C-alpha atoms as a PDB file:
ATOM      1  CA  UNK A   1     -25.262   8.104   0.958  1.00  0.00           C
ATOM      2  CA  UNK A   2     -23.792   6.087   3.800  1.00  0.00           C
ATOM      3  CA  UNK A   3     -20.223   5.966   4.984  1.00  0.00           C
ATOM      4  CA  UNK A   4     -18.082   4.855   7.887  1.00  0.00           C
ATOM      5  CA  UNK A   5     -17.866   7.756  10.377  1.00  0.00           C
ATOM      6  CA  UNK A   6     -15.385   8.161  13.252  1.00  0.00           C
ATOM      7  CA  UNK A   7     -17.246   9.286  16.389  1.00  0.00           C
ATOM      8  CA  UNK A   8     -13.988  10.241  18.133  1.00  0.00           C
ATOM      9  CA  UNK A   9     -10.416   8.955  17.954  1.00  0.00           C
ATOM     10  CA  UNK A  10     -10.113   5.526  19.543  1.00  0.00           C
ATOM     11  CA  UNK A  11     -10.373   1.763  19.085  1.00  0.00           C
ATOM     12  CA  UNK A  12     -12.419   0.166  16.299  1.00  0.00           C
ATOM     13  CA  UNK A  13     -15.670   0.583  18.253  1.00  0.00           C
ATOM     14  CA  UNK A  14     -15.698   4.274  17.323  1.00  0.00           C
ATOM     15  CA  UNK A  15     -16.525   3.369  13.659  1.00  0.00           C
ATOM     16  CA  UNK A  16     -20.165   3.481  12.604  1.00  0.00           C
ATOM     17  CA  UNK A  17     -22.103   3.240   9.294  1.00  0.00           C
ATOM     18  CA  UNK A  18     -24.092   6.499   8.986  1.00  0.00           C
ATOM     19  CA  UNK A  19     -25.782   8.821   6.511  1.00  0.00           C
ATOM     20  CA  UNK A  20     -23.495  11.566   5.183  1.00  0.00           C
ATOM     21  CA  UNK A  21     -23.804  14.102   2.305  1.00  0.00           C
ATOM     22  CA  UNK A  22     -23.275  12.820  -1.195  1.00  0.00           C
ATOM     23  CA  UNK A  23     -19.971  13.793  -2.875  1.00  0.00           C
ATOM     24  CA  UNK A  24     -20.014  16.154  -5.794  1.00  0.00           C
ATOM     25  CA  UNK A  25     -17.682  15.944  -8.782  1.00  0.00           C
ATOM     26  CA  UNK A  26     -15.615  19.126  -9.023  1.00  0.00           C
ATOM     27  CA  UNK A  27     -13.743  20.201 -12.150  1.00  0.00           C
ATOM     28  CA  UNK A  28     -11.462  17.404 -13.352  1.00  0.00           C
ATOM     29  CA  UNK A  29     -13.121  14.848 -10.997  1.00  0.00           C
ATOM     30  CA  UNK A  30     -15.555  11.943 -11.289  1.00  0.00           C
ATOM     31  CA  UNK A  31     -17.882  10.311  -8.798  1.00  0.00           C
ATOM     32  CA  UNK A  32     -17.552   6.546  -8.377  1.00  0.00           C
ATOM     33  CA  UNK A  33     -20.251   4.241  -7.105  1.00  0.00           C
ATOM     34  CA  UNK A  34     -18.044   2.076  -4.922  1.00  0.00           C
ATOM     35  CA  UNK A  35     -17.963  -1.720  -5.297  1.00  0.00           C
ATOM     36  CA  UNK A  36     -15.276  -2.258  -2.702  1.00  0.00           C
ATOM     37  CA  UNK A  37     -12.530  -0.540  -0.747  1.00  0.00           C
ATOM     38  CA  UNK A  38      -9.621  -1.992   1.261  1.00  0.00           C
ATOM     39  CA  UNK A  39      -8.163  -1.493   4.717  1.00  0.00           C
ATOM     40  CA  UNK A  40      -4.697   0.012   5.165  1.00  0.00           C
ATOM     41  CA  UNK A  41      -2.505   0.754   8.219  1.00  0.00           C
ATOM     42  CA  UNK A  42      -2.994   4.440   7.460  1.00  0.00           C
ATOM     43  CA  UNK A  43      -6.720   4.000   8.162  1.00  0.00           C
ATOM     44  CA  UNK A  44      -5.950   2.678  11.591  1.00  0.00           C
ATOM     45  CA  UNK A  45      -3.654   5.601  12.351  1.00  0.00           C
ATOM     46  CA  UNK A  46      -6.343   8.064  11.194  1.00  0.00           C
ATOM     47  CA  UNK A  47      -8.960   6.288  13.371  1.00  0.00           C
ATOM     48  CA  UNK A  48      -6.650   6.663  16.327  1.00  0.00           C
ATOM     49  CA  UNK A  49      -6.201  10.404  15.659  1.00  0.00           C
ATOM     50  CA  UNK A  50      -2.559  10.162  14.508  1.00  0.00           C
ATOM     51  CA  UNK A  51      -2.913  10.677  10.731  1.00  0.00           C
ATOM     52  CA  UNK A  52      -5.306  13.458   9.650  1.00  0.00           C
ATOM     53  CA  UNK A  53      -6.229  13.697   5.965  1.00  0.00           C
ATOM     54  CA  UNK A  54      -4.431  16.274   3.783  1.00  0.00           C
ATOM     55  CA  UNK A  55      -6.067  19.684   3.419  1.00  0.00           C
ATOM     56  CA  UNK A  56      -9.139  19.465   1.251  1.00  0.00           C
ATOM     57  CA  UNK A  57      -9.394  15.663   1.328  1.00  0.00           C
ATOM     58  CA  UNK A  58     -12.390  13.776   2.660  1.00  0.00           C
ATOM     59  CA  UNK A  59     -12.213  12.917   6.327  1.00  0.00           C
ATOM     60  CA  UNK A  60     -13.867   9.557   5.591  1.00  0.00           C
ATOM     61  CA  UNK A  61     -11.453   6.629   5.809  1.00  0.00           C
ATOM     62  CA  UNK A  62     -10.315   4.686   2.756  1.00  0.00           C
ATOM     63  CA  UNK A  63      -7.370   5.242   0.409  1.00  0.00           C
ATOM     64  CA  UNK A  64      -8.440   3.073  -2.541  1.00  0.00           C
ATOM     65  CA  UNK A  65     -11.528   1.656  -4.180  1.00  0.00           C
ATOM     66  CA  UNK A  66     -13.004   0.045  -7.240  1.00  0.00           C
ATOM     67  CA  UNK A  67     -16.385   0.823  -8.790  1.00  0.00           C
ATOM     68  CA  UNK A  68     -18.371   2.375 -11.592  1.00  0.00           C
ATOM     69  CA  UNK A  69     -18.263   6.022 -12.658  1.00  0.00           C
ATOM     70  CA  UNK A  70     -21.686   7.639 -12.117  1.00  0.00           C
ATOM     71  CA  UNK A  71     -20.891  11.319 -12.626  1.00  0.00           C
ATOM     72  CA  UNK A  72     -18.364  13.425 -14.566  1.00  0.00           C
ATOM     73  CA  UNK A  73     -17.092  16.788 -13.422  1.00  0.00           C
ATOM     74  CA  UNK A  74     -16.441  19.718 -15.719  1.00  0.00           C
ATOM     75  CA  UNK A  75     -13.651  19.156 -18.200  1.00  0.00           C
ATOM     76  CA  UNK A  76     -13.461  15.358 -17.893  1.00  0.00           C
ATOM     77  CA  UNK A  77     -13.335  13.873 -21.381  1.00  0.00           C
ATOM     78  CA  UNK A  78     -11.112  10.824 -20.926  1.00  0.00           C
ATOM     79  CA  UNK A  79     -13.706   8.803 -18.988  1.00  0.00           C
ATOM     80  CA  UNK A  80     -17.412   8.018 -19.371  1.00  0.00           C
ATOM     81  CA  UNK A  81     -20.313   7.298 -17.067  1.00  0.00           C
ATOM     82  CA  UNK A  82     -20.503   3.523 -16.669  1.00  0.00           C
ATOM     83  CA  UNK A  83     -16.731   2.903 -16.888  1.00  0.00           C
ATOM     84  CA  UNK A  84     -15.469   0.416 -14.316  1.00  0.00           C
ATOM     85  CA  UNK A  85     -12.311   1.687 -12.663  1.00  0.00           C
ATOM     86  CA  UNK A  86      -9.954   1.490  -9.732  1.00  0.00           C
ATOM     87  CA  UNK A  87      -8.881   4.598  -7.898  1.00  0.00           C
ATOM     88  CA  UNK A  88      -6.142   5.910  -5.606  1.00  0.00           C
ATOM     89  CA  UNK A  89      -7.823   8.151  -2.982  1.00  0.00           C
ATOM     90  CA  UNK A  90      -6.706  10.725  -0.456  1.00  0.00           C
ATOM     91  CA  UNK A  91      -9.765   9.596   1.553  1.00  0.00           C
ATOM     92  CA  UNK A  92     -13.393   8.692   1.181  1.00  0.00           C
ATOM     93  CA  UNK A  93     -13.231   4.991   0.257  1.00  0.00           C
ATOM     94  CA  UNK A  94     -15.353   3.581   3.128  1.00  0.00           C
ATOM     95  CA  UNK A  95     -18.561   4.818   1.574  1.00  0.00           C
ATOM     96  CA  UNK A  96     -21.214   4.283  -1.078  1.00  0.00           C
ATOM     97  CA  UNK A  97     -19.686   6.896  -3.362  1.00  0.00           C
ATOM     98  CA  UNK A  98     -16.526   8.971  -3.642  1.00  0.00           C
ATOM     99  CA  UNK A  99     -15.264  11.924  -5.739  1.00  0.00           C
ATOM    100  CA  UNK A 100     -11.773  11.555  -7.126  1.00  0.00           C
ATOM    101  CA  UNK A 101      -9.485  13.449  -9.591  1.00  0.00           C
ATOM    102  CA  UNK A 102      -9.581  11.706 -12.959  1.00  0.00           C
ATOM    103  CA  UNK A 103      -5.778  11.377 -13.009  1.00  0.00           C
ATOM    104  CA  UNK A 104      -5.975   8.975 -10.046  1.00  0.00           C
ATOM    105  CA  UNK A 105      -8.195   6.502 -11.896  1.00  0.00           C
ATOM    106  CA  UNK A 106      -6.893   3.263 -13.404  1.00  0.00           C
ATOM    107  CA  UNK A 107      -8.581   0.562 -15.399  1.00  0.00           C
ATOM    108  CA  UNK A 108      -9.573  -2.766 -13.901  1.00  0.00           C
ATOM    109  CA  UNK A 109      -6.836  -5.132 -15.138  1.00  0.00           C
ATOM    110  CA  UNK A 110      -8.130  -8.292 -16.767  1.00  0.00           C
ATOM    111  CA  UNK A 111      -8.942 -10.835 -15.555  1.00  0.00           C
ATOM    112  CA  UNK A 112      -9.382  -9.381 -12.016  1.00  0.00           C
ATOM    113  CA  UNK A 113     -13.032  -9.022 -10.894  1.00  0.00           C
ATOM    114  CA  UNK A 114     -14.215  -5.535 -10.079  1.00  0.00           C
ATOM    115  CA  UNK A 115     -14.450  -6.128  -6.275  1.00  0.00           C
ATOM    116  CA  UNK A 116     -10.992  -7.698  -6.068  1.00  0.00           C
ATOM    117  CA  UNK A 117      -9.484  -4.764  -8.001  1.00  0.00           C
ATOM    118  CA  UNK A 118     -10.073  -2.590  -4.936  1.00  0.00           C
ATOM    119  CA  UNK A 119      -7.082  -4.367  -3.361  1.00  0.00           C
ATOM    120  CA  UNK A 120      -4.641  -2.995  -5.961  1.00  0.00           C
ATOM    121  CA  UNK A 121      -4.360   0.833  -6.165  1.00  0.00           C
ATOM    122  CA  UNK A 122      -2.658   1.698  -2.855  1.00  0.00           C
ATOM    123  CA  UNK A 123      -0.254  -1.262  -2.755  1.00  0.00           C
ATOM    124  CA  UNK A 124       0.648  -1.089  -6.420  1.00  0.00           C
ATOM    125  CA  UNK A 125       1.276   2.673  -6.365  1.00  0.00           C
ATOM    126  CA  UNK A 126       3.228   2.459  -3.085  1.00  0.00           C
ATOM    127  CA  UNK A 127       5.428  -0.389  -4.312  1.00  0.00           C
ATOM    128  CA  UNK A 128       6.107   1.009  -7.781  1.00  0.00           C
ATOM    129  CA  UNK A 129       6.759   4.574  -6.666  1.00  0.00           C
ATOM    130  CA  UNK A 130       9.132   3.476  -3.913  1.00  0.00           C
ATOM    131  CA  UNK A 131      10.935   0.443  -5.330  1.00  0.00           C
ATOM    132  CA  UNK A 132      11.220   1.561  -8.950  1.00  0.00           C
ATOM    133  CA  UNK A 133      10.635   5.320  -9.317  1.00  0.00           C
ATOM    134  CA  UNK A 134      12.554   6.248  -6.194  1.00  0.00           C
ATOM    135  CA  UNK A 135      14.935   3.412  -5.192  1.00  0.00           C
ATOM    136  CA  UNK A 136      15.627   2.147  -8.715  1.00  0.00           C
ATOM    137  CA  UNK A 137      15.423  -1.582  -7.973  1.00  0.00           C
ATOM    138  CA  UNK A 138      16.907  -3.545 -10.884  1.00  0.00           C
ATOM    139  CA  UNK A 139      17.370  -7.113 -12.155  1.00  0.00           C
ATOM    140  CA  UNK A 140      19.700  -9.158  -9.928  1.00  0.00           C
ATOM    141  CA  UNK A 141      19.684  -6.774  -6.955  1.00  0.00           C
ATOM    142  CA  UNK A 142      18.687  -7.859  -3.439  1.00  0.00           C
ATOM    143  CA  UNK A 143      15.464  -6.454  -1.978  1.00  0.00           C
ATOM    144  CA  UNK A 144      14.581  -6.832   1.705  1.00  0.00           C
ATOM    145  CA  UNK A 145      10.882  -6.389   2.456  1.00  0.00           C
ATOM    146  CA  UNK A 146       9.811  -5.926   6.063  1.00  0.00           C
ATOM    147  CA  UNK A 147       6.292  -7.213   6.712  1.00  0.00           C
ATOM    148  CA  UNK A 148       6.349  -9.551   3.700  1.00  0.00           C
ATOM    149  CA  UNK A 149       2.909 -10.927   4.511  1.00  0.00           C
ATOM    150  CA  UNK A 150       1.189  -7.538   4.469  1.00  0.00           C
ATOM    151  CA  UNK A 151      -0.699  -6.130   1.514  1.00  0.00           C
ATOM    152  CA  UNK A 152       2.259  -3.954   0.449  1.00  0.00           C
ATOM    153  CA  UNK A 153       4.671  -6.795   1.167  1.00  0.00           C
ATOM    154  CA  UNK A 154       2.845  -9.373  -0.958  1.00  0.00           C
ATOM    155  CA  UNK A 155       2.761  -6.898  -3.832  1.00  0.00           C
ATOM    156  CA  UNK A 156       6.391  -5.919  -3.414  1.00  0.00           C
ATOM    157  CA  UNK A 157       7.536  -9.555  -3.587  1.00  0.00           C
ATOM    158  CA  UNK A 158       5.616 -10.068  -6.852  1.00  0.00           C
ATOM    159  CA  UNK A 159       6.847  -6.846  -8.471  1.00  0.00           C
ATOM    160  CA  UNK A 160      10.425  -7.549  -7.514  1.00  0.00           C
ATOM    161  CA  UNK A 161      10.189 -11.094  -8.906  1.00  0.00           C
ATOM    162  CA  UNK A 162       8.819  -9.686 -12.167  1.00  0.00           C
ATOM    163  CA  UNK A 163      11.791  -7.274 -12.301  1.00  0.00           C
ATOM    164  CA  UNK A 164      14.208 -10.161 -11.758  1.00  0.00           C
ATOM    165  CA  UNK A 165      15.400  -9.070  -8.322  1.00  0.00           C
ATOM    166  CA  UNK A 166      16.307 -11.386  -5.473  1.00  0.00           C
ATOM    167  CA  UNK A 167      13.939 -11.151  -2.517  1.00  0.00           C
ATOM    168  CA  UNK A 168      14.330 -11.415   1.269  1.00  0.00           C
ATOM    169  CA  UNK A 169      11.418 -10.917   3.624  1.00  0.00           C
ATOM    170  CA  UNK A 170      10.749 -10.586   7.330  1.00  0.00           C
ATOM    171  CA  UNK A 171       7.534 -11.891   8.914  1.00  0.00           C
ATOM    172  CA  UNK A 172       6.429 -13.055  12.321  1.00  0.00           C
ATOM    173  CA  UNK A 173       5.078 -16.560  11.591  1.00  0.00           C
ATOM    174  CA  UNK A 174       5.948 -19.658   9.593  1.00  0.00           C
ATOM    175  CA  UNK A 175       2.596 -19.360   7.831  1.00  0.00           C
ATOM    176  CA  UNK A 176       3.319 -15.872   6.552  1.00  0.00           C
ATOM    177  CA  UNK A 177       6.838 -16.839   5.524  1.00  0.00           C
ATOM    178  CA  UNK A 178       5.429 -19.805   3.572  1.00  0.00           C
ATOM    179  CA  UNK A 179       3.057 -17.454   1.799  1.00  0.00           C
ATOM    180  CA  UNK A 180       5.955 -15.147   0.936  1.00  0.00           C
ATOM    181  CA  UNK A 181       7.946 -18.073  -0.431  1.00  0.00           C
ATOM    182  CA  UNK A 182       5.043 -19.085  -2.612  1.00  0.00           C
ATOM    183  CA  UNK A 183       5.058 -15.613  -4.123  1.00  0.00           C
ATOM    184  CA  UNK A 184       8.777 -15.713  -4.913  1.00  0.00           C
ATOM    185  CA  UNK A 185      10.778 -14.746  -1.819  1.00  0.00           C
ATOM    186  CA  UNK A 186      13.930 -16.841  -1.425  1.00  0.00           C
ATOM    187  CA  UNK A 187      15.333 -15.632   1.929  1.00  0.00           C
ATOM    188  CA  UNK A 188      12.792 -15.980   4.737  1.00  0.00           C
ATOM    189  CA  UNK A 189      13.512 -14.338   8.104  1.00  0.00           C
ATOM    190  CA  UNK A 190      11.284 -14.829  11.130  1.00  0.00           C
ATOM    191  CA  UNK A 191      11.822 -11.623  13.094  1.00  0.00           C
ATOM    192  CA  UNK A 192      10.573 -13.295  16.258  1.00  0.00           C
ATOM    193  CA  UNK A 193      13.671 -15.497  16.358  1.00  0.00           C
ATOM    194  CA  UNK A 194      16.256 -14.149  13.934  1.00  0.00           C
ATOM    195  CA  UNK A 195      18.272 -10.928  13.459  1.00  0.00           C
ATOM    196  CA  UNK A 196      17.558  -9.750   9.921  1.00  0.00           C
ATOM    197  CA  UNK A 197      20.894  -7.922   9.712  1.00  0.00           C
ATOM    198  CA  UNK A 198      22.859 -11.052  10.483  1.00  0.00           C
ATOM    199  CA  UNK A 199      20.803 -13.247   8.121  1.00  0.00           C
ATOM    200  CA  UNK A 200      20.857 -10.707   5.280  1.00  0.00           C
ATOM    201  CA  UNK A 201      24.570 -10.114   5.640  1.00  0.00           C
ATOM    202  CA  UNK A 202      25.449 -13.813   5.711  1.00  0.00           C
ATOM    203  CA  UNK A 203      23.177 -14.669   2.737  1.00  0.00           C
ATOM    204  CA  UNK A 204      24.753 -12.011   0.561  1.00  0.00           C
ATOM    205  CA  UNK A 205      28.352 -12.780   1.436  1.00  0.00           C
ATOM    206  CA  UNK A 206      28.694  -9.716   3.591  1.00  0.00           C
ATOM    207  CA  UNK A 207      27.262  -7.330   0.989  1.00  0.00           C
ATOM    208  CA  UNK A 208      23.821  -6.595   2.258  1.00  0.00           C
ATOM    209  CA  UNK A 209      20.553  -5.426   0.614  1.00  0.00           C
ATOM    210  CA  UNK A 210      20.521  -3.083  -2.364  1.00  0.00           C
ATOM    211  CA  UNK A 211      17.054  -1.870  -1.456  1.00  0.00           C
ATOM    212  CA  UNK A 212      15.046  -2.158   1.777  1.00  0.00           C
ATOM    213  CA  UNK A 213      11.309  -1.506   1.895  1.00  0.00           C
ATOM    214  CA  UNK A 214      10.490  -0.659   5.516  1.00  0.00           C
ATOM    215  CA  UNK A 215       7.178  -0.305   7.301  1.00  0.00           C
ATOM    216  CA  UNK A 216       8.615   0.047  10.832  1.00  0.00           C
ATOM    217  CA  UNK A 217      10.370   3.425  10.888  1.00  0.00           C
ATOM    218  CA  UNK A 218      12.308   4.342  13.985  1.00  0.00           C
ATOM    219  CA  UNK A 219      12.630   0.879  15.564  1.00  0.00           C
ATOM    220  CA  UNK A 220      14.438  -0.483  12.515  1.00  0.00           C
ATOM    221  CA  UNK A 221      16.332   2.614  11.330  1.00  0.00           C
ATOM    222  CA  UNK A 222      19.815   1.798  12.707  1.00  0.00           C
ATOM    223  CA  UNK A 223      19.589  -1.879  11.810  1.00  0.00           C
ATOM    224  CA  UNK A 224      18.319  -1.111   8.323  1.00  0.00           C
ATOM    225  CA  UNK A 225      21.325   1.031   7.638  1.00  0.00           C
ATOM    226  CA  UNK A 226      23.566  -1.792   8.866  1.00  0.00           C
ATOM    227  CA  UNK A 227      21.823  -4.224   6.477  1.00  0.00           C
ATOM    228  CA  UNK A 228      22.316  -1.982   3.425  1.00  0.00           C
ATOM    229  CA  UNK A 229      24.883  -2.746   0.735  1.00  0.00           C
ATOM    230  CA  UNK A 230      27.251  -0.115  -0.572  1.00  0.00           C
ATOM    231  CA  UNK A 231      25.088   2.241  -2.612  1.00  0.00           C
ATOM    232  CA  UNK A 232      21.987   0.830  -0.894  1.00  0.00           C
ATOM    233  CA  UNK A 233      18.635   2.595  -0.715  1.00  0.00           C
ATOM    234  CA  UNK A 234      16.303   2.501   2.285  1.00  0.00           C
ATOM    235  CA  UNK A 235      12.623   3.311   1.489  1.00  0.00           C
ATOM    236  CA  UNK A 236      10.637   4.070   4.631  1.00  0.00           C
ATOM    237  CA  UNK A 237       6.872   3.813   4.038  1.00  0.00           C
ATOM    238  CA  UNK A 238       5.477   3.239   7.533  1.00  0.00           C
ATOM    239  CA  UNK A 239       5.973   4.057  11.168  1.00  0.00           C
ATOM    240  CA  UNK A 240       4.656   1.013  12.992  1.00  0.00           C
ATOM    241  CA  UNK A 241       7.860   1.011  15.111  1.00  0.00           C
ATOM    242  CA  UNK A 242       7.869   4.681  16.000  1.00  0.00           C
ATOM    243  CA  UNK A 243       8.509   8.136  14.600  1.00  0.00           C
ATOM    244  CA  UNK A 244      11.830   9.303  16.050  1.00  0.00           C
ATOM    245  CA  UNK A 245      15.067   7.373  15.539  1.00  0.00           C
ATOM    246  CA  UNK A 246      18.780   8.081  15.506  1.00  0.00           C
ATOM    247  CA  UNK A 247      20.378   8.145  12.068  1.00  0.00           C
ATOM    248  CA  UNK A 248      24.111   7.402  11.838  1.00  0.00           C
ATOM    249  CA  UNK A 249      25.198   9.702   9.020  1.00  0.00           C
ATOM    250  CA  UNK A 250      28.721   8.294   9.171  1.00  0.00           C
ATOM    251  CA  UNK A 251      27.432   4.829   8.335  1.00  0.00           C
ATOM    252  CA  UNK A 252      25.426   6.260   5.449  1.00  0.00           C
ATOM    253  CA  UNK A 253      28.458   8.067   4.074  1.00  0.00           C
ATOM    254  CA  UNK A 254      30.679   5.007   4.364  1.00  0.00           C
ATOM    255  CA  UNK A 255      28.155   3.014   2.366  1.00  0.00           C
ATOM    256  CA  UNK A 256      27.262   5.834  -0.049  1.00  0.00           C
ATOM    257  CA  UNK A 257      23.682   4.981   0.927  1.00  0.00           C
ATOM    258  CA  UNK A 258      20.427   6.928   0.918  1.00  0.00           C
ATOM    259  CA  UNK A 259      17.291   7.024   3.020  1.00  0.00           C
ATOM    260  CA  UNK A 260      13.927   7.971   1.443  1.00  0.00           C
ATOM    261  CA  UNK A 261      10.784   8.569   3.428  1.00  0.00           C
ATOM    262  CA  UNK A 262       7.737   8.832   1.212  1.00  0.00           C
ATOM    263  CA  UNK A 263       4.005   9.263   1.908  1.00  0.00           C
ATOM    264  CA  UNK A 264       1.820   8.537  -1.059  1.00  0.00           C
ATOM    265  CA  UNK A 265      -1.279  10.193   0.409  1.00  0.00           C
ATOM    266  CA  UNK A 266       0.286  13.634   0.840  1.00  0.00           C
ATOM    267  CA  UNK A 267       1.793  13.966  -2.661  1.00  0.00           C
ATOM    268  CA  UNK A 268       0.372  16.555  -5.040  1.00  0.00           C
ATOM    269  CA  UNK A 269      -2.347  15.419  -7.456  1.00  0.00           C
ATOM    270  CA  UNK A 270       0.029  15.694 -10.409  1.00  0.00           C
ATOM    271  CA  UNK A 271       2.535  13.286  -8.797  1.00  0.00           C
ATOM    272  CA  UNK A 272      -0.188  10.826  -7.951  1.00  0.00           C
ATOM    273  CA  UNK A 273      -1.511  10.927 -11.527  1.00  0.00           C
ATOM    274  CA  UNK A 274       2.017  10.220 -12.823  1.00  0.00           C
ATOM    275  CA  UNK A 275       2.377   7.258 -10.447  1.00  0.00           C
ATOM    276  CA  UNK A 276      -1.040   5.877 -11.448  1.00  0.00           C
ATOM    277  CA  UNK A 277      -0.085   6.114 -15.121  1.00  0.00           C
ATOM    278  CA  UNK A 278       3.221   4.312 -14.496  1.00  0.00           C
ATOM    279  CA  UNK A 279       1.479   1.572 -12.512  1.00  0.00           C
ATOM    280  CA  UNK A 280      -1.166   0.993 -15.209  1.00  0.00           C
ATOM    281  CA  UNK A 281       1.499   0.898 -17.908  1.00  0.00           C
ATOM    282  CA  UNK A 282       3.935  -1.310 -15.983  1.00  0.00           C
ATOM    283  CA  UNK A 283       2.140  -3.509 -13.408  1.00  0.00           C
ATOM    284  CA  UNK A 284      -1.236  -4.075 -15.092  1.00  0.00           C
ATOM    285  CA  UNK A 285       0.256  -6.053 -18.013  1.00  0.00           C
ATOM    286  CA  UNK A 286       2.008  -8.332 -15.503  1.00  0.00           C
ATOM    287  CA  UNK A 287      -1.374  -8.897 -13.813  1.00  0.00           C
ATOM    288  CA  UNK A 288      -3.015  -9.687 -17.129  1.00  0.00           C
ATOM    289  CA  UNK A 289      -0.183 -12.106 -17.941  1.00  0.00           C
ATOM    290  CA  UNK A 290      -0.691 -13.894 -14.593  1.00  0.00           C
ATOM    291  CA  UNK A 291       2.676 -12.837 -13.160  1.00  0.00           C
ATOM    292  CA  UNK A 292       1.062 -10.828 -10.321  1.00  0.00           C
ATOM    293  CA  UNK A 293      -2.148 -11.499  -8.491  1.00  0.00           C
ATOM    294  CA  UNK A 294      -3.855  -9.651  -5.645  1.00  0.00           C
ATOM    295  CA  UNK A 295      -3.455 -11.430  -2.300  1.00  0.00           C
ATOM    296  CA  UNK A 296      -6.715 -11.086  -0.395  1.00  0.00           C
ATOM    297  CA  UNK A 297      -6.871 -12.461   3.168  1.00  0.00           C
ATOM    298  CA  UNK A 298     -10.396 -11.489   4.154  1.00  0.00           C
ATOM    299  CA  UNK A 299     -13.568  -9.860   2.863  1.00  0.00           C
ATOM    300  CA  UNK A 300     -16.190  -8.114   4.964  1.00  0.00           C
ATOM    301  CA  UNK A 301     -19.168  -5.863   4.226  1.00  0.00           C
ATOM    302  CA  UNK A 302     -18.414  -2.151   4.431  1.00  0.00           C
ATOM    303  CA  UNK A 303     -20.600  -1.730   7.463  1.00  0.00           C
ATOM    304  CA  UNK A 304     -18.332  -4.181   9.330  1.00  0.00           C
ATOM    305  CA  UNK A 305     -15.269  -1.909   9.006  1.00  0.00           C
ATOM    306  CA  UNK A 306     -14.710  -2.085  12.778  1.00  0.00           C
ATOM    307  CA  UNK A 307     -14.174  -5.862  12.585  1.00  0.00           C
ATOM    308  CA  UNK A 308     -11.911  -5.370   9.591  1.00  0.00           C
ATOM    309  CA  UNK A 309      -9.746  -3.014  11.622  1.00  0.00           C
ATOM    310  CA  UNK A 310      -9.553  -5.562  14.431  1.00  0.00           C
ATOM    311  CA  UNK A 311      -8.447  -8.210  11.973  1.00  0.00           C
ATOM    312  CA  UNK A 312      -5.677  -6.004  10.550  1.00  0.00           C
ATOM    313  CA  UNK A 313      -4.480  -5.031  14.008  1.00  0.00           C
ATOM    314  CA  UNK A 314      -4.372  -8.655  15.081  1.00  0.00           C
ATOM    315  CA  UNK A 315      -1.781  -9.430  12.421  1.00  0.00           C
ATOM    316  CA  UNK A 316      -3.630 -12.664  11.541  1.00  0.00           C
ATOM    317  CA  UNK A 317      -4.287 -11.862   7.904  1.00  0.00           C
ATOM    318  CA  UNK A 318      -1.890 -12.296   4.989  1.00  0.00           C
ATOM    319  CA  UNK A 319      -2.489  -9.825   2.178  1.00  0.00           C
ATOM    320  CA  UNK A 320      -5.346  -7.302   1.929  1.00  0.00           C
ATOM    321  CA  UNK A 321      -8.635  -7.015   3.721  1.00  0.00           C
ATOM    322  CA  UNK A 322     -11.498  -5.968   1.436  1.00  0.00           C
ATOM    323  CA  UNK A 323     -14.574  -4.024   2.416  1.00  0.00           C
ATOM    324  CA  UNK A 324     -17.371  -4.744  -0.064  1.00  0.00           C
ATOM    325  CA  UNK A 325     -20.356  -2.446  -0.824  1.00  0.00           C
ATOM    326  CA  UNK A 326     -23.136  -2.679   1.747  1.00  0.00           C
ATOM    327  CA  UNK A 327     -25.865  -1.436  -0.591  1.00  0.00           C
END
């Protein structure tokens, strides 16, 4: 089969579309003929040499896909050859085919086309596991989403709206803030010109955010804690603003607040299977009811993955970037 290969860590030019060995379905796994994958920030970090795959995972980029099952491994009885599915991957999505544990498969939610469904697994599992399973976001609470125009951000807004939460977002352009407003965000903060701590504090009468979903890491750590309400929960899911920051434990204690840092990719297979099951049970019905829709900002053929990475790094795209099968 063919896949995107990294010649050496570096800029997008190191990506090439080459022949590689076909995957084999191990016990409890299936092989999927991929219809589409999607680009995530983690893919960029891996391309740059900063985010190696977990032990035993494919070193091919790609953390999600949609496609058709073409092979069943030993012991798989819950799926059949020919089933159309989406999948949460530890790697391997930028390719013609991928092997994946059966527990990390989800159906294609109606009425989403198979190709567009590739935009859902990583963002849906990230959002649900962090906002609901970990942070316990509830009806009427304030959620602050950093990077509201990103793939994760656009999903987080829609999930929070379906839960009945109130939603604040940060983004770097009026266009992205308008897109967030259309999805249900009510407090729009342009981080280029505004201090999100000040805006969040004023809008909530001095209380702050009950939950913050953060993709920045170190650069926002101190300010995020300042923006939390009493009993608030900070969920760190990205490190775009650096790895090492100073955490004021006194401020956390005074607010009875918590900080969670969660990587979806590194979790054990059993945890991923539980998250996938929760997502299919909870988010997929909202999609079928029209309450949540994938936000897709660009589509490119799989063999143009380098250009897709340039697009994501430019910050010009709202929502997800899809890579469609190049067969």
